[in-house]
N, C-alpha and C. Protein backbone atom coordinates (compact mmCIF):
# COMPACT_ATOMS: atom_id res chain seq x y z
N MET A 1 151.79 54.73 142.62
CA MET A 1 151.67 54.56 141.17
C MET A 1 150.21 55.00 140.68
N ALA A 2 149.26 54.44 141.29
CA ALA A 2 147.84 54.71 140.95
C ALA A 2 147.53 56.24 140.85
N SER A 3 148.15 57.00 141.69
CA SER A 3 147.85 58.37 141.67
C SER A 3 148.33 59.06 140.62
N PHE A 4 149.45 58.54 140.04
CA PHE A 4 150.06 59.09 138.66
C PHE A 4 149.21 58.96 137.54
N LEU A 5 148.15 58.09 137.70
CA LEU A 5 147.24 57.94 136.57
C LEU A 5 145.92 58.68 136.68
N SER A 6 145.88 59.40 137.75
CA SER A 6 144.65 59.99 137.99
C SER A 6 144.78 61.40 137.61
N ARG A 7 143.89 62.04 136.85
CA ARG A 7 143.93 63.55 136.48
C ARG A 7 143.69 64.44 137.60
N LEU A 8 143.13 63.85 138.71
CA LEU A 8 142.85 64.73 139.89
C LEU A 8 144.14 64.99 140.44
N THR A 9 145.13 64.19 140.50
CA THR A 9 146.42 64.34 141.03
C THR A 9 147.03 65.76 140.54
N PHE A 10 147.00 65.88 139.19
CA PHE A 10 147.62 67.01 138.49
C PHE A 10 146.83 68.32 138.65
N ALA A 11 145.55 68.26 138.66
CA ALA A 11 144.68 69.35 138.98
C ALA A 11 144.89 69.76 140.39
N ASN A 12 144.89 68.85 141.33
CA ASN A 12 145.08 69.30 142.70
C ASN A 12 146.53 69.90 142.79
N ASP A 13 147.49 69.26 142.31
CA ASP A 13 148.93 69.81 142.37
C ASP A 13 149.05 71.23 141.71
N ALA A 14 148.37 71.37 140.65
CA ALA A 14 148.24 72.73 139.98
C ALA A 14 147.66 73.76 140.86
N VAL A 15 146.45 73.48 141.40
CA VAL A 15 145.78 74.45 142.41
C VAL A 15 146.68 74.70 143.46
N ASN A 16 147.28 73.64 144.07
CA ASN A 16 148.18 73.89 145.32
C ASN A 16 149.31 74.81 145.05
N SER A 17 149.88 74.57 143.85
CA SER A 17 150.94 75.44 143.41
C SER A 17 150.52 76.87 143.09
N ALA A 18 149.48 77.04 142.60
CA ALA A 18 148.84 78.44 142.31
C ALA A 18 148.53 79.19 143.57
N MET A 19 148.22 78.58 144.62
CA MET A 19 147.85 79.14 145.87
C MET A 19 149.09 79.35 146.83
N GLY A 20 150.12 79.06 146.30
CA GLY A 20 151.63 79.26 146.92
C GLY A 20 152.08 78.07 147.67
N GLY A 21 151.41 76.97 147.63
CA GLY A 21 151.85 75.76 148.35
C GLY A 21 153.06 75.08 147.51
N ALA A 22 153.51 74.05 148.07
CA ALA A 22 154.56 73.28 147.64
C ALA A 22 153.93 72.33 146.32
N ALA A 23 154.50 72.22 145.31
CA ALA A 23 154.08 71.50 144.22
C ALA A 23 154.87 70.15 144.11
N TYR A 24 154.37 69.00 143.91
CA TYR A 24 155.18 67.83 143.70
C TYR A 24 155.59 67.75 142.37
N TYR A 25 154.93 68.16 141.31
CA TYR A 25 155.27 68.23 139.92
C TYR A 25 155.48 69.61 139.45
N ALA A 26 156.26 69.91 138.31
CA ALA A 26 156.32 71.17 137.78
C ALA A 26 155.06 71.64 137.25
N PRO A 27 154.76 72.95 137.37
CA PRO A 27 153.32 73.45 136.90
C PRO A 27 153.29 73.07 135.35
N VAL A 28 154.26 73.21 134.64
CA VAL A 28 154.24 72.95 133.16
C VAL A 28 153.84 71.42 132.87
N PHE A 29 154.39 70.55 133.74
CA PHE A 29 154.06 69.19 133.57
C PHE A 29 152.64 68.93 133.94
N ASN A 30 152.17 69.63 135.10
CA ASN A 30 150.86 69.36 135.46
C ASN A 30 149.77 69.83 134.29
N LEU A 31 150.04 71.00 133.75
CA LEU A 31 149.18 71.42 132.60
C LEU A 31 149.34 70.51 131.41
N ALA A 32 150.41 69.84 131.08
CA ALA A 32 150.60 69.14 129.93
C ALA A 32 149.93 67.73 130.21
N MET A 33 149.91 67.30 131.47
CA MET A 33 149.21 66.05 131.71
C MET A 33 147.64 66.20 131.79
N LEU A 34 147.23 67.44 132.21
CA LEU A 34 145.84 67.66 132.22
C LEU A 34 145.27 67.87 130.64
N ALA A 35 146.12 68.45 129.86
CA ALA A 35 145.79 68.60 128.42
C ALA A 35 145.78 67.09 127.76
N ALA A 36 146.69 66.35 128.16
CA ALA A 36 146.82 64.85 127.68
C ALA A 36 145.56 64.08 128.06
N PHE A 37 145.15 64.14 129.41
CA PHE A 37 143.99 63.54 129.83
C PHE A 37 142.66 64.11 129.14
N TRP A 38 142.74 65.44 128.85
CA TRP A 38 141.49 66.10 128.12
C TRP A 38 141.43 65.51 126.75
N MET A 39 142.60 65.42 125.96
CA MET A 39 142.51 64.79 124.67
C MET A 39 142.25 63.30 124.60
N LEU A 40 142.68 62.65 125.61
CA LEU A 40 142.23 61.26 125.72
C LEU A 40 140.78 61.02 126.02
N PHE A 41 140.17 61.72 126.91
CA PHE A 41 138.76 61.67 127.15
C PHE A 41 137.93 62.11 125.98
N LEU A 42 138.43 63.14 125.35
CA LEU A 42 137.62 63.70 124.23
C LEU A 42 137.69 62.69 123.11
N TRP A 43 138.75 61.96 122.79
CA TRP A 43 138.97 60.97 121.90
C TRP A 43 138.02 59.80 122.15
N VAL A 44 138.07 59.48 123.40
CA VAL A 44 137.16 58.29 123.83
C VAL A 44 135.70 58.66 123.62
N GLY A 45 135.38 59.76 124.09
CA GLY A 45 133.82 60.32 123.83
C GLY A 45 133.46 60.37 122.39
N LEU A 46 134.40 60.77 121.50
CA LEU A 46 134.03 60.79 120.24
C LEU A 46 133.91 59.59 119.57
N ARG A 47 134.78 58.56 119.98
CA ARG A 47 134.61 57.09 119.46
C ARG A 47 133.41 56.48 119.86
N LEU A 48 133.01 56.77 121.15
CA LEU A 48 131.69 56.23 121.69
C LEU A 48 130.49 56.83 120.96
N HIS A 49 130.66 58.04 120.69
CA HIS A 49 129.59 58.88 119.91
C HIS A 49 129.40 58.11 118.53
N GLU A 50 130.56 57.99 117.94
CA GLU A 50 130.65 57.42 116.52
C GLU A 50 129.97 55.98 116.57
N TRP A 51 130.41 55.19 117.57
CA TRP A 51 129.94 53.80 117.68
C TRP A 51 128.43 53.74 117.98
N GLY A 52 127.88 54.72 118.77
CA GLY A 52 126.46 54.70 118.91
C GLY A 52 125.62 55.19 117.68
N ARG A 53 126.34 56.10 116.88
CA ARG A 53 125.55 56.44 115.64
C ARG A 53 125.59 55.30 114.68
N ARG A 54 126.56 54.42 114.74
CA ARG A 54 126.58 53.41 113.69
C ARG A 54 125.49 52.30 114.15
N ALA A 55 125.43 52.09 115.48
CA ALA A 55 124.55 51.15 115.92
C ALA A 55 123.21 51.52 115.60
N GLU A 56 122.77 52.81 115.52
CA GLU A 56 121.37 53.24 115.24
C GLU A 56 121.01 53.06 113.84
N SER A 57 122.05 52.96 112.95
CA SER A 57 121.81 52.85 111.49
C SER A 57 121.37 51.50 111.13
């Protein structure tokens, strides 16, 4: 279960699939999950940046 919450699982699976190996998840699902993690971390980073700018004021 913990590996499902790791973005590295989907990146590794996508690379393995691209190299001709067997994929555990569908390639489209891997890309969708990587995009979802990217959006999540971008949103968290923007919130932290905004919080830091407010603290300076």
